[in-house]
């Protein structure tokens, strides 16, 4: 995972939930466009169901999921946190509705 702050979109296909990350300079719509094209190439449909941000501090072993996408709304941050906890088992991972 990238260090610092990144944007995240939550994208559903028929059978899977995807999280896509982009450096904070990207726009949520552009992030989704990239993933949508890749998913369509596999013969699947997708829908972006929300966005947010992730702040990653590797030195402190902390990850914060927060915020929302102005275009897509807020992703379910509890789902994002549960996925991150599977990979980063020794981290303090939390979420907040505060912030953009």
Protein backbone atom coordinates (compact mmCIF):
# COMPACT_ATOMS: atom_id res chain seq x y z
CA UNK A 1 0.00 0.00 0.00
CA UNK A 2 1.17 3.51 -0.73
CA UNK A 3 2.49 5.62 2.11
CA UNK A 4 0.64 8.77 3.08
CA UNK A 5 -2.85 9.57 1.85
CA UNK A 6 -4.60 7.89 -1.08
CA UNK A 7 -8.12 7.90 -2.51
CA UNK A 8 -10.12 4.68 -2.60
CA UNK A 9 -13.19 3.68 -4.61
CA UNK A 10 -15.40 0.73 -3.73
CA UNK A 11 -16.40 -1.16 -6.88
CA UNK A 12 -18.79 -4.11 -7.08
CA UNK A 13 -18.93 -6.70 -9.82
CA UNK A 14 -21.44 -9.54 -9.81
CA UNK A 15 -19.47 -11.73 -7.40
CA UNK A 16 -16.68 -9.58 -6.01
CA UNK A 17 -15.93 -6.36 -4.19
CA UNK A 18 -12.89 -4.46 -5.42
CA UNK A 19 -11.08 -1.60 -3.74
CA UNK A 20 -9.01 0.57 -6.00
CA UNK A 21 -6.38 3.00 -4.80
CA UNK A 22 -4.99 6.12 -6.40
CA UNK A 23 -2.64 8.80 -5.17
CA UNK A 24 -4.50 11.78 -3.71
CA UNK A 25 -4.04 13.79 -6.91
CA UNK A 26 -6.40 11.53 -8.89
CA UNK A 27 -10.13 12.16 -9.30
CA UNK A 28 -12.56 9.46 -8.16
CA UNK A 29 -14.20 9.33 -11.61
CA UNK A 30 -10.84 8.82 -13.34
CA UNK A 31 -9.90 6.13 -10.83
CA UNK A 32 -13.13 4.28 -11.51
CA UNK A 33 -12.77 4.63 -15.29
CA UNK A 34 -9.46 2.73 -15.19
CA UNK A 35 -10.90 -0.13 -13.15
CA UNK A 36 -14.16 -0.23 -15.12
CA UNK A 37 -12.24 -0.74 -18.37
CA UNK A 38 -10.19 -3.58 -16.85
CA UNK A 39 -13.28 -5.26 -15.42
CA UNK A 40 -15.17 -4.93 -18.73
CA UNK A 41 -12.23 -6.56 -20.53
CA UNK A 42 -12.91 -9.61 -18.33
CA UNK A 43 -16.53 -9.64 -19.50
CA UNK A 44 -17.92 -8.31 -16.20
CA UNK A 45 -20.07 -5.33 -15.32
CA UNK A 46 -19.20 -3.09 -12.37
CA UNK A 47 -20.64 -0.30 -10.29
CA UNK A 48 -18.80 2.20 -8.09
CA UNK A 49 -20.68 2.28 -4.77
CA UNK A 50 -18.63 4.91 -2.97
CA UNK A 51 -15.25 6.34 -2.17
CA UNK A 52 -13.08 7.75 0.58
CA UNK A 53 -9.47 8.14 1.61
CA UNK A 54 -6.87 6.05 3.38
CA UNK A 55 -4.09 7.54 5.49
CA UNK A 56 -1.23 5.07 5.97
CA UNK A 57 1.52 5.64 8.55
CA UNK A 58 3.86 2.63 8.28
CA UNK A 59 6.23 3.85 11.01
CA UNK A 60 3.38 3.98 13.56
CA UNK A 61 1.62 0.96 11.99
CA UNK A 62 -1.63 2.90 11.69
CA UNK A 63 -4.20 3.11 8.91
CA UNK A 64 -7.19 5.46 8.95
CA UNK A 65 -10.06 5.10 6.46
CA UNK A 66 -12.19 8.24 6.16
CA UNK A 67 -13.98 10.70 3.91
CA UNK A 68 -16.09 10.26 0.79
CA UNK A 69 -16.27 10.87 -2.93
CA UNK A 70 -18.26 13.93 -3.98
CA UNK A 71 -19.43 12.07 -7.09
CA UNK A 72 -19.96 8.55 -5.71
CA UNK A 73 -20.68 9.20 -2.02
CA UNK A 74 -19.15 7.38 0.95
CA UNK A 75 -18.02 3.77 0.68
CA UNK A 76 -18.75 1.39 3.54
CA UNK A 77 -15.60 2.05 5.57
CA UNK A 78 -16.27 -0.93 7.86
CA UNK A 79 -15.86 -3.23 4.85
CA UNK A 80 -12.63 -1.50 3.84
CA UNK A 81 -11.26 -1.82 7.38
CA UNK A 82 -12.16 -5.51 7.56
CA UNK A 83 -10.29 -6.15 4.29
CA UNK A 84 -7.25 -4.19 5.45
CA UNK A 85 -7.14 -6.04 8.79
CA UNK A 86 -6.69 -9.33 6.92
CA UNK A 87 -3.51 -8.03 5.25
CA UNK A 88 -2.14 -5.72 7.98
CA UNK A 89 -2.66 -7.90 11.04
CA UNK A 90 -0.20 -6.01 13.25
CA UNK A 91 -1.63 -2.53 12.48
CA UNK A 92 -4.07 -0.30 14.34
CA UNK A 93 -6.75 0.20 11.66
CA UNK A 94 -9.77 2.44 12.17
CA UNK A 95 -12.32 4.48 10.24
CA UNK A 96 -14.08 7.79 10.66
CA UNK A 97 -16.88 9.72 8.99
CA UNK A 98 -14.99 12.96 9.64
CA UNK A 99 -13.20 14.77 6.85
CA UNK A 100 -13.37 14.86 3.08
